[in-house]
């Protein structure tokens, strides 16, 4: 027969061993749980970094596309600005001649007029459009440059009273404002 005390000792030892195993398992679960939490946090951080990198790449692509379009549209603005005095001089030459001079040098004036027309066509082909204010128009500081102000009867303050040179825009950007004289007559 077995001794009840031995049986109690056996049960106590067995319970103590089971308790130790349970504690070990719980500690292992805590370690595994902590590892899972760390992995989930690392995954979330990497996912966030990936999404940011994708957004940066998309923004860079859009910025590059916009820069390419602008370079295509406005890349020649310096050349266009440098060509405006050529246009002005050709136009002055055509306007300065009277009928007698035109008849005396007919071929020369036809050549100048053809050159001016061709230059105007090339400007139009590349998006360069003239700003041609008329006497009596309202002064617009976005498109016009006031070269002087003078009181002029029968005008209102801010009316254009003289046009010195045409202005030009390249697509939607101002290349050169039209140079004008403006009335300062009080209304």
N, C-alpha and C. Protein backbone atom coordinates (compact mmCIF):
# COMPACT_ATOMS: atom_id res chain seq x y z
N UNK A 1 0.79 -1.18 0.00
CA UNK A 1 0.00 0.00 0.00
C UNK A 1 0.85 1.26 0.00
N UNK A 2 0.28 2.28 -0.57
CA UNK A 2 1.04 3.53 -0.64
C UNK A 2 0.69 4.37 0.55
N UNK A 3 1.62 5.11 0.91
CA UNK A 3 1.45 5.97 2.06
C UNK A 3 0.72 7.24 1.60
N UNK A 4 -0.35 7.66 2.33
CA UNK A 4 -1.09 8.85 1.93
C UNK A 4 -0.21 10.09 1.92
N UNK A 5 0.80 10.11 2.80
CA UNK A 5 1.68 11.27 2.84
C UNK A 5 2.51 11.31 1.56
N UNK A 6 2.96 10.17 1.09
CA UNK A 6 3.72 10.11 -0.16
C UNK A 6 2.83 10.55 -1.33
N UNK A 7 1.57 10.11 -1.25
CA UNK A 7 0.65 10.49 -2.31
C UNK A 7 0.41 12.00 -2.29
N UNK A 8 0.27 12.60 -1.14
CA UNK A 8 0.09 14.07 -1.02
C UNK A 8 1.34 14.79 -1.51
N UNK A 9 2.52 14.25 -1.16
CA UNK A 9 3.77 14.87 -1.63
C UNK A 9 3.85 14.79 -3.15
N UNK A 10 3.43 13.63 -3.69
CA UNK A 10 3.45 13.46 -5.15
C UNK A 10 2.52 14.46 -5.82
N UNK A 11 1.33 14.62 -5.29
CA UNK A 11 0.37 15.55 -5.85
C UNK A 11 0.87 16.99 -5.73
N UNK A 12 1.45 17.31 -4.61
CA UNK A 12 1.99 18.66 -4.41
C UNK A 12 3.12 18.91 -5.38
N UNK A 13 4.01 17.94 -5.51
CA UNK A 13 5.12 18.10 -6.47
C UNK A 13 4.58 18.25 -7.89
N UNK A 14 3.59 17.40 -8.17
CA UNK A 14 3.00 17.45 -9.52
C UNK A 14 2.34 18.81 -9.77
N UNK A 15 1.60 19.31 -8.78
CA UNK A 15 0.94 20.62 -8.92
C UNK A 15 1.97 21.74 -9.04
N UNK A 16 3.05 21.64 -8.29
CA UNK A 16 4.10 22.65 -8.37
C UNK A 16 4.76 22.63 -9.74
N UNK A 17 4.97 21.43 -10.28
CA UNK A 17 5.57 21.31 -11.61
C UNK A 17 4.63 21.88 -12.67
N UNK A 18 3.34 21.59 -12.53
CA UNK A 18 2.35 22.12 -13.47
C UNK A 18 2.29 23.65 -13.38
N UNK A 19 2.37 24.16 -12.17
CA UNK A 19 2.34 25.61 -11.97
C UNK A 19 3.56 26.26 -12.61
N UNK A 20 4.73 25.61 -12.45
CA UNK A 20 5.94 26.14 -13.07
C UNK A 20 5.84 26.13 -14.59
N UNK A 21 5.27 25.02 -15.13
CA UNK A 21 5.08 24.92 -16.59
C UNK A 21 4.12 26.01 -17.07
N UNK A 22 3.06 26.24 -16.30
CA UNK A 22 2.08 27.27 -16.66
C UNK A 22 2.73 28.65 -16.66
N UNK A 23 3.53 28.93 -15.64
CA UNK A 23 4.24 30.21 -15.56
C UNK A 23 5.20 30.34 -16.74
N UNK A 24 5.93 29.24 -17.06
CA UNK A 24 6.84 29.27 -18.20
C UNK A 24 6.08 29.53 -19.50
N UNK A 25 4.93 28.86 -19.68
CA UNK A 25 4.12 29.06 -20.87
C UNK A 25 3.61 30.51 -20.96
N UNK A 26 3.19 31.04 -19.83
CA UNK A 26 2.68 32.41 -19.82
C UNK A 26 3.80 33.39 -20.15
N UNK A 27 5.00 33.11 -19.64
CA UNK A 27 6.14 33.98 -19.96
C UNK A 27 6.48 33.88 -21.44
N UNK A 28 6.42 32.65 -21.98
CA UNK A 28 6.67 32.46 -23.41
C UNK A 28 5.62 33.20 -24.24
N UNK A 29 4.34 33.12 -23.81
CA UNK A 29 3.26 33.82 -24.52
C UNK A 29 3.50 35.33 -24.49
N UNK A 30 3.95 35.84 -23.35
CA UNK A 30 4.26 37.27 -23.24
C UNK A 30 5.38 37.64 -24.21
N UNK A 31 6.41 36.80 -24.27
CA UNK A 31 7.53 37.05 -25.18
C UNK A 31 7.04 37.01 -26.62
N UNK A 32 6.23 35.99 -26.96
CA UNK A 32 5.69 35.86 -28.31
C UNK A 32 4.76 37.05 -28.60
N UNK A 33 3.93 37.41 -27.65
CA UNK A 33 3.03 38.56 -27.83
C UNK A 33 3.80 39.85 -28.05
N UNK A 34 4.86 40.04 -27.28
CA UNK A 34 5.70 41.23 -27.46
C UNK A 34 6.36 41.23 -28.84
N UNK A 35 6.82 40.04 -29.28
CA UNK A 35 7.46 39.92 -30.59
C UNK A 35 6.45 40.22 -31.70
N UNK A 36 5.22 39.70 -31.54
CA UNK A 36 4.17 39.96 -32.54
C UNK A 36 3.86 41.46 -32.59
N UNK A 37 3.73 42.07 -31.42
CA UNK A 37 3.46 43.51 -31.38
C UNK A 37 4.58 44.31 -32.05
N UNK A 38 5.83 43.91 -31.79
CA UNK A 38 6.97 44.60 -32.40
C UNK A 38 6.95 44.43 -33.92
N UNK A 39 6.61 43.22 -34.39
CA UNK A 39 6.55 42.97 -35.83
C UNK A 39 5.40 43.77 -36.48
N UNK A 40 4.27 43.83 -35.80
CA UNK A 40 3.14 44.61 -36.33
C UNK A 40 3.51 46.09 -36.41
N UNK A 41 4.17 46.60 -35.38
CA UNK A 41 4.59 48.01 -35.39
C UNK A 41 5.60 48.27 -36.51
N UNK A 42 6.55 47.34 -36.68
CA UNK A 42 7.54 47.49 -37.76
C UNK A 42 6.86 47.44 -39.13
N UNK A 43 5.90 46.52 -39.29
CA UNK A 43 5.16 46.42 -40.55
C UNK A 43 4.41 47.73 -40.84
N UNK A 44 3.74 48.27 -39.82
CA UNK A 44 3.00 49.53 -40.01
C UNK A 44 3.94 50.67 -40.38
N UNK A 45 5.10 50.71 -39.74
CA UNK A 45 6.09 51.75 -40.05
C UNK A 45 6.59 51.61 -41.49
N UNK A 46 6.89 50.39 -41.90
CA UNK A 46 7.36 50.17 -43.27
C UNK A 46 6.27 50.48 -44.29
N UNK A 47 5.05 50.13 -43.97
CA UNK A 47 3.92 50.44 -44.86
C UNK A 47 3.78 51.95 -45.02
N UNK A 48 3.88 52.68 -43.90
CA UNK A 48 3.79 54.15 -43.95
C UNK A 48 4.92 54.73 -44.80
N UNK A 49 6.15 54.22 -44.62
CA UNK A 49 7.28 54.70 -45.41
C UNK A 49 7.09 54.41 -46.89
N UNK A 50 6.55 53.23 -47.21
CA UNK A 50 6.29 52.86 -48.60
C UNK A 50 5.26 53.80 -49.22
N UNK A 51 4.18 54.06 -48.50
CA UNK A 51 3.14 54.96 -49.02
C UNK A 51 3.69 56.37 -49.24
N UNK A 52 4.51 56.83 -48.32
CA UNK A 52 5.13 58.16 -48.49
C UNK A 52 6.07 58.18 -49.69
N UNK A 53 6.86 57.11 -49.85
CA UNK A 53 7.78 57.05 -51.00
C UNK A 53 7.00 57.01 -52.31
N UNK A 54 5.89 56.28 -52.35
CA UNK A 54 5.05 56.25 -53.55
C UNK A 54 4.45 57.62 -53.84
N UNK A 55 4.00 58.30 -52.80
CA UNK A 55 3.43 59.65 -52.98
C UNK A 55 4.51 60.62 -53.46
N UNK A 56 5.72 60.52 -52.89
CA UNK A 56 6.82 61.38 -53.35
C UNK A 56 7.15 61.12 -54.81
N UNK A 57 7.17 59.85 -55.20
CA UNK A 57 7.47 59.50 -56.59
C UNK A 57 6.39 60.06 -57.52
N UNK A 58 5.14 59.96 -57.12
CA UNK A 58 4.04 60.49 -57.95
C UNK A 58 4.13 62.01 -58.04
N UNK A 59 4.43 62.67 -56.93
CA UNK A 59 4.59 64.13 -56.94
C UNK A 59 5.76 64.54 -57.84
N UNK A 60 6.86 63.80 -57.77
CA UNK A 60 8.01 64.10 -58.63
C UNK A 60 7.66 63.92 -60.10
N UNK A 61 6.90 62.88 -60.41
CA UNK A 61 6.48 62.66 -61.79
C UNK A 61 5.60 63.82 -62.28
N UNK A 62 4.65 64.22 -61.45
CA UNK A 62 3.77 65.33 -61.84
C UNK A 62 4.56 66.63 -61.98
N UNK A 63 5.48 66.88 -61.05
CA UNK A 63 6.30 68.09 -61.12
C UNK A 63 7.17 68.08 -62.38
N UNK A 64 7.74 66.93 -62.70
CA UNK A 64 8.55 66.80 -63.91
C UNK A 64 7.72 67.04 -65.17
N UNK A 65 6.51 66.52 -65.20
CA UNK A 65 5.62 66.72 -66.34
C UNK A 65 5.26 68.20 -66.49
N UNK A 66 4.94 68.84 -65.35
CA UNK A 66 4.61 70.27 -65.37
C UNK A 66 5.82 71.09 -65.84
N UNK A 67 7.00 70.77 -65.32
CA UNK A 67 8.21 71.49 -65.72
C UNK A 67 8.50 71.31 -67.21
N UNK A 68 8.26 70.10 -67.72
CA UNK A 68 8.47 69.84 -69.15
C UNK A 68 7.51 70.67 -70.00
N UNK A 69 6.23 70.71 -69.59
CA UNK A 69 5.23 71.50 -70.33
C UNK A 69 5.61 72.99 -70.31
N UNK A 70 6.01 73.48 -69.13
CA UNK A 70 6.39 74.89 -69.03
C UNK A 70 7.63 75.19 -69.87
N UNK A 71 8.60 74.29 -69.87
CA UNK A 71 9.80 74.50 -70.68
C UNK A 71 9.43 74.52 -72.16
N UNK A 72 8.50 73.66 -72.53
CA UNK A 72 8.06 73.62 -73.92
C UNK A 72 7.34 74.91 -74.31
N UNK A 73 6.48 75.40 -73.43
CA UNK A 73 5.70 76.60 -73.73
C UNK A 73 6.51 77.88 -73.57
N UNK A 74 7.30 77.97 -72.52
CA UNK A 74 7.93 79.24 -72.17
C UNK A 74 9.45 79.23 -72.34
N UNK A 75 10.00 78.12 -72.80
CA UNK A 75 11.46 78.02 -72.94
C UNK A 75 12.04 79.05 -73.89
N UNK A 76 11.29 79.46 -74.89
CA UNK A 76 11.78 80.43 -75.86
C UNK A 76 11.45 81.87 -75.52
N UNK A 77 11.03 82.13 -74.29
CA UNK A 77 10.61 83.49 -73.93
C UNK A 77 11.77 84.49 -74.01
N UNK A 78 12.98 84.07 -73.68
CA UNK A 78 14.12 84.99 -73.78
C UNK A 78 14.37 85.36 -75.24
N UNK A 79 14.37 84.37 -76.12
CA UNK A 79 14.54 84.64 -77.54
C UNK A 79 13.40 85.52 -78.06
N UNK A 80 12.18 85.20 -77.65
CA UNK A 80 11.03 85.99 -78.10
C UNK A 80 11.17 87.44 -77.64
N UNK A 81 11.57 87.64 -76.39
CA UNK A 81 11.75 88.99 -75.86
C UNK A 81 12.83 89.74 -76.65
N UNK A 82 13.88 89.01 -77.05
CA UNK A 82 14.96 89.62 -77.83
C UNK A 82 14.51 89.95 -79.26
N UNK A 83 13.49 89.27 -79.76
CA UNK A 83 13.00 89.51 -81.12
C UNK A 83 12.01 90.68 -81.19
N UNK A 84 11.47 91.10 -80.07
CA UNK A 84 10.47 92.18 -80.07
C UNK A 84 11.02 93.50 -80.64
N UNK A 85 12.25 93.91 -80.35
CA UNK A 85 12.77 95.13 -80.97
C UNK A 85 12.87 95.02 -82.49
N UNK A 86 13.13 93.82 -83.00
CA UNK A 86 13.16 93.61 -84.45
C UNK A 86 11.78 93.90 -85.02
N UNK A 87 10.76 93.37 -84.38
CA UNK A 87 9.37 93.62 -84.78
C UNK A 87 9.08 95.12 -84.75
N UNK A 88 9.46 95.78 -83.63
CA UNK A 88 9.21 97.22 -83.49
C UNK A 88 9.87 98.01 -84.62
N UNK A 89 11.12 97.69 -84.93
CA UNK A 89 11.84 98.42 -85.97
C UNK A 89 11.24 98.21 -87.35
N UNK A 90 10.85 96.98 -87.66
CA UNK A 90 10.20 96.72 -88.95
C UNK A 90 8.88 97.48 -89.05
N UNK A 91 8.12 97.48 -87.96
CA UNK A 91 6.83 98.18 -87.96
C UNK A 91 7.05 99.69 -88.12
N UNK A 92 8.04 100.24 -87.43
CA UNK A 92 8.35 101.67 -87.56
C UNK A 92 8.75 102.02 -88.99
N UNK A 93 9.54 101.14 -89.61
CA UNK A 93 9.98 101.39 -90.99
C UNK A 93 8.77 101.44 -91.93
N UNK A 94 7.83 100.53 -91.75
CA UNK A 94 6.63 100.51 -92.60
C UNK A 94 5.78 101.76 -92.36
N UNK A 95 5.62 102.14 -91.08
CA UNK A 95 4.75 103.27 -90.75
C UNK A 95 5.39 104.62 -91.06
N UNK A 96 6.72 104.70 -91.10
CA UNK A 96 7.40 105.98 -91.28
C UNK A 96 7.38 106.47 -92.72
N UNK A 97 7.22 105.58 -93.66
CA UNK A 97 7.31 105.96 -95.07
C UNK A 97 5.99 106.58 -95.56
N UNK A 98 6.13 107.65 -96.33
CA UNK A 98 4.94 108.22 -96.97
C UNK A 98 4.78 107.58 -98.35
N UNK A 99 3.73 107.94 -99.07
CA UNK A 99 3.43 107.33 -100.37
C UNK A 99 4.55 107.55 -101.38
N UNK A 100 5.13 108.73 -101.35
CA UNK A 100 6.20 109.04 -102.31
C UNK A 100 7.41 108.14 -102.08
N UNK A 101 7.78 107.96 -100.82
CA UNK A 101 8.91 107.09 -100.49
C UNK A 101 8.59 105.63 -100.83
N UNK A 102 7.36 105.22 -100.59
CA UNK A 102 6.95 103.85 -100.91
C UNK A 102 7.06 103.58 -102.41
N UNK A 103 6.65 104.55 -103.22
CA UNK A 103 6.72 104.37 -104.68
C UNK A 103 8.17 104.35 -105.16
N UNK A 104 9.01 105.18 -104.54
CA UNK A 104 10.41 105.26 -104.96
C UNK A 104 11.16 103.97 -104.65
N UNK A 105 10.81 103.32 -103.53
CA UNK A 105 11.50 102.08 -103.13
C UNK A 105 10.47 100.98 -102.89
N UNK A 106 9.65 100.75 -103.88
CA UNK A 106 8.52 99.83 -103.77
C UNK A 106 8.97 98.42 -103.35
N UNK A 107 9.97 97.89 -104.00
CA UNK A 107 10.44 96.53 -103.71
C UNK A 107 10.98 96.42 -102.28
N UNK A 108 11.68 97.43 -101.82
CA UNK A 108 12.22 97.42 -100.46
C UNK A 108 11.09 97.39 -99.45
N UNK A 109 10.08 98.23 -99.64
CA UNK A 109 8.97 98.27 -98.69
C UNK A 109 8.13 97.00 -98.73
N UNK A 110 7.98 96.41 -99.90
CA UNK A 110 7.28 95.12 -99.97
C UNK A 110 8.05 94.07 -99.20
N UNK A 111 9.37 94.08 -99.31
CA UNK A 111 10.21 93.14 -98.57
C UNK A 111 10.09 93.33 -97.07
N UNK A 112 10.08 94.57 -96.65
CA UNK A 112 9.94 94.87 -95.21
C UNK A 112 8.56 94.40 -94.73
N UNK A 113 7.52 94.70 -95.49
CA UNK A 113 6.17 94.29 -95.10
C UNK A 113 6.04 92.77 -95.06
N UNK A 114 6.63 92.08 -96.02
CA UNK A 114 6.59 90.61 -96.02
C UNK A 114 7.35 90.04 -94.81
N UNK A 115 8.49 90.65 -94.52
CA UNK A 115 9.28 90.20 -93.36
C UNK A 115 8.50 90.41 -92.07
N UNK A 116 7.85 91.57 -91.94
CA UNK A 116 7.03 91.86 -90.76
C UNK A 116 5.87 90.88 -90.65
N UNK A 117 5.22 90.59 -91.77
CA UNK A 117 4.10 89.64 -91.77
C UNK A 117 4.58 88.24 -91.37
N UNK A 118 5.72 87.83 -91.91
CA UNK A 118 6.25 86.51 -91.59
C UNK A 118 6.64 86.43 -90.11
N UNK A 119 7.26 87.47 -89.59
CA UNK A 119 7.62 87.50 -88.17
C UNK A 119 6.36 87.41 -87.31
N UNK A 120 5.30 88.12 -87.69
CA UNK A 120 4.03 88.06 -86.96
C UNK A 120 3.45 86.65 -87.01
N UNK A 121 3.53 85.99 -88.18
CA UNK A 121 3.04 84.61 -88.29
C UNK A 121 3.82 83.65 -87.41
N UNK A 122 5.14 83.81 -87.39
CA UNK A 122 5.99 82.95 -86.54
C UNK A 122 5.65 83.20 -85.07
N UNK A 123 5.47 84.45 -84.68
CA UNK A 123 5.06 84.75 -83.31
C UNK A 123 3.77 84.02 -82.98
N UNK A 124 2.77 84.15 -83.83
CA UNK A 124 1.48 83.50 -83.59
C UNK A 124 1.60 81.99 -83.50
N UNK A 125 2.43 81.40 -84.33
CA UNK A 125 2.64 79.96 -84.34
C UNK A 125 3.21 79.47 -83.01
N UNK A 126 3.97 80.32 -82.34
CA UNK A 126 4.60 79.95 -81.07
C UNK A 126 3.90 80.55 -79.85
N UNK A 127 2.68 81.03 -80.04
CA UNK A 127 1.89 81.50 -78.90
C UNK A 127 2.19 82.92 -78.47
N UNK A 128 2.87 83.70 -79.29
CA UNK A 128 3.18 85.09 -78.95
C UNK A 128 2.12 85.96 -79.62
N UNK A 129 1.33 86.62 -78.79
CA UNK A 129 0.24 87.46 -79.30
C UNK A 129 0.47 88.91 -78.88
N UNK A 130 0.13 89.85 -79.78
CA UNK A 130 0.32 91.27 -79.44
C UNK A 130 -0.78 91.78 -78.50
N UNK A 131 -0.41 92.75 -77.70
CA UNK A 131 -1.36 93.52 -76.89
C UNK A 131 -1.46 94.87 -77.60
N UNK A 132 -2.59 95.16 -78.20
CA UNK A 132 -2.73 96.38 -79.00
C UNK A 132 -3.82 97.27 -78.41
N UNK A 133 -3.48 98.05 -77.39
CA UNK A 133 -4.48 98.95 -76.83
C UNK A 133 -4.78 100.08 -77.83
N UNK A 134 -5.95 100.65 -77.71
CA UNK A 134 -6.36 101.76 -78.57
C UNK A 134 -6.54 103.01 -77.71
N UNK A 135 -6.38 104.16 -78.33
CA UNK A 135 -6.63 105.42 -77.63
C UNK A 135 -8.08 105.39 -77.15
N UNK A 136 -8.29 105.71 -75.88
CA UNK A 136 -9.62 105.70 -75.29
C UNK A 136 -9.87 104.47 -74.43
N UNK A 137 -9.07 103.40 -74.61
CA UNK A 137 -9.21 102.22 -73.76
C UNK A 137 -8.84 102.56 -72.33
N UNK A 138 -9.31 101.75 -71.39
CA UNK A 138 -8.98 101.93 -69.98
C UNK A 138 -7.59 101.34 -69.71
N UNK A 139 -6.78 102.05 -68.95
CA UNK A 139 -5.44 101.59 -68.58
C UNK A 139 -5.55 100.35 -67.69
N UNK A 140 -4.80 99.29 -68.03
CA UNK A 140 -4.77 98.05 -67.26
C UNK A 140 -3.32 97.80 -66.84
N UNK A 141 -3.00 97.96 -65.55
CA UNK A 141 -1.61 97.80 -65.11
C UNK A 141 -1.06 96.39 -65.31
N UNK A 142 -1.93 95.41 -65.55
CA UNK A 142 -1.47 94.04 -65.81
C UNK A 142 -0.91 93.90 -67.23
N UNK A 143 -1.37 94.76 -68.14
CA UNK A 143 -0.98 94.66 -69.55
C UNK A 143 -0.27 95.89 -70.09
N UNK A 144 -0.41 97.01 -69.39
CA UNK A 144 0.11 98.28 -69.90
C UNK A 144 1.15 98.86 -68.94
N UNK A 145 2.07 99.62 -69.50
CA UNK A 145 3.05 100.36 -68.70
C UNK A 145 2.83 101.83 -69.01
N UNK A 146 2.52 102.61 -67.98
CA UNK A 146 2.28 104.04 -68.17
C UNK A 146 3.63 104.74 -68.31
N UNK A 147 3.87 105.35 -69.47
CA UNK A 147 5.12 106.05 -69.72
C UNK A 147 5.03 107.51 -69.28
N UNK A 148 3.81 108.05 -69.27
CA UNK A 148 3.59 109.40 -68.78
C UNK A 148 2.11 109.57 -68.48
N UNK A 149 1.81 110.62 -67.70
CA UNK A 149 0.43 111.03 -67.44
C UNK A 149 0.31 112.48 -67.85
N UNK A 150 -0.81 112.82 -68.45
CA UNK A 150 -1.02 114.20 -68.88
C UNK A 150 -2.51 114.50 -68.86
N UNK A 151 -2.86 115.71 -68.47
CA UNK A 151 -4.27 116.08 -68.53
C UNK A 151 -4.66 116.32 -69.99
N UNK A 152 -5.75 115.75 -70.42
CA UNK A 152 -6.22 115.93 -71.79
C UNK A 152 -7.72 116.17 -71.73
N UNK A 153 -8.18 117.28 -72.32
CA UNK A 153 -9.62 117.56 -72.28
C UNK A 153 -10.42 116.44 -72.93
N UNK A 154 -11.63 116.27 -72.48
CA UNK A 154 -12.58 115.28 -73.01
C UNK A 154 -12.13 113.84 -72.77
N UNK A 155 -11.33 113.61 -71.74
CA UNK A 155 -10.95 112.24 -71.36
C UNK A 155 -11.16 112.08 -69.86
N UNK A 156 -11.19 110.85 -69.43
CA UNK A 156 -11.31 110.56 -68.00
C UNK A 156 -9.95 110.07 -67.49
N UNK A 157 -9.70 110.26 -66.21
CA UNK A 157 -8.44 109.78 -65.63
C UNK A 157 -8.36 108.27 -65.82
N UNK A 158 -7.21 107.81 -66.28
CA UNK A 158 -7.00 106.37 -66.50
C UNK A 158 -7.26 105.93 -67.92
N UNK A 159 -7.70 106.85 -68.79
CA UNK A 159 -7.88 106.51 -70.21
C UNK A 159 -6.54 106.57 -70.92
N UNK A 160 -6.35 105.68 -71.87
CA UNK A 160 -5.13 105.70 -72.68
C UNK A 160 -5.27 106.83 -73.71
N UNK A 161 -4.25 107.71 -73.74
CA UNK A 161 -4.30 108.84 -74.68
C UNK A 161 -3.26 108.71 -75.79
N UNK A 162 -2.30 107.79 -75.61
CA UNK A 162 -1.30 107.56 -76.66
C UNK A 162 -0.71 106.16 -76.48
N UNK A 163 -0.44 105.49 -77.60
CA UNK A 163 0.19 104.17 -77.58
C UNK A 163 1.57 104.32 -78.22
N UNK A 164 2.62 104.03 -77.45
CA UNK A 164 3.98 104.14 -77.97
C UNK A 164 4.44 102.82 -78.61
N UNK A 165 4.29 101.73 -77.88
CA UNK A 165 4.66 100.42 -78.43
C UNK A 165 3.62 99.39 -78.00
N UNK A 166 3.47 98.39 -78.85
CA UNK A 166 2.59 97.28 -78.51
C UNK A 166 3.26 96.42 -77.45
N UNK A 167 2.43 95.72 -76.70
CA UNK A 167 2.93 94.74 -75.76
C UNK A 167 2.74 93.36 -76.34
N UNK A 168 3.28 92.35 -75.66
CA UNK A 168 3.15 90.98 -76.13
C UNK A 168 2.99 90.03 -74.95
N UNK A 169 2.20 88.98 -75.17
CA UNK A 169 2.08 87.89 -74.20
C UNK A 169 2.53 86.61 -74.88
N UNK A 170 3.15 85.74 -74.10
CA UNK A 170 3.53 84.41 -74.56
C UNK A 170 2.60 83.45 -73.84
N UNK A 171 1.66 82.88 -74.58
CA UNK A 171 0.57 82.07 -74.02
C UNK A 171 -0.17 82.93 -73.01
N UNK A 172 0.04 82.72 -71.72
CA UNK A 172 -0.67 83.53 -70.72
C UNK A 172 0.29 84.39 -69.89
N UNK A 173 1.55 84.45 -70.28
CA UNK A 173 2.54 85.24 -69.54
C UNK A 173 2.89 86.50 -70.32
N UNK A 174 3.03 87.57 -69.58
CA UNK A 174 3.39 88.84 -70.19
C UNK A 174 4.87 88.85 -70.57
N UNK A 175 5.13 89.09 -71.86
CA UNK A 175 6.53 89.25 -72.32
C UNK A 175 6.97 90.70 -72.16
N UNK A 176 6.08 91.59 -72.62
CA UNK A 176 6.38 93.01 -72.54
C UNK A 176 5.05 93.75 -72.47
N UNK A 177 4.92 94.68 -71.51
CA UNK A 177 3.68 95.45 -71.46
C UNK A 177 3.63 96.47 -72.60
N UNK A 178 2.43 96.81 -73.02
CA UNK A 178 2.27 97.88 -74.01
C UNK A 178 2.61 99.20 -73.31
N UNK A 179 3.41 100.03 -73.98
CA UNK A 179 3.80 101.32 -73.41
C UNK A 179 2.82 102.38 -73.87
N UNK A 180 2.19 103.04 -72.90
CA UNK A 180 1.11 103.97 -73.20
C UNK A 180 1.23 105.25 -72.39
N UNK A 181 0.57 106.29 -72.89
CA UNK A 181 0.38 107.51 -72.13
C UNK A 181 -1.02 107.48 -71.56
N UNK A 182 -1.19 108.02 -70.35
CA UNK A 182 -2.46 107.92 -69.65
C UNK A 182 -2.96 109.32 -69.26
N UNK A 183 -4.26 109.50 -69.36
CA UNK A 183 -4.86 110.78 -68.99
C UNK A 183 -4.89 110.91 -67.48
N UNK A 184 -4.59 112.13 -67.02
CA UNK A 184 -4.67 112.41 -65.60
C UNK A 184 -5.77 113.42 -65.32
N UNK A 185 -6.61 113.68 -66.31
CA UNK A 185 -7.70 114.65 -66.16
C UNK A 185 -8.68 114.15 -65.11
N UNK A 186 -8.98 114.98 -64.11
CA UNK A 186 -9.96 114.53 -63.11
C UNK A 186 -11.32 114.39 -63.75
N UNK A 187 -12.03 113.37 -63.35
CA UNK A 187 -13.36 113.09 -63.91
C UNK A 187 -14.35 114.04 -63.37
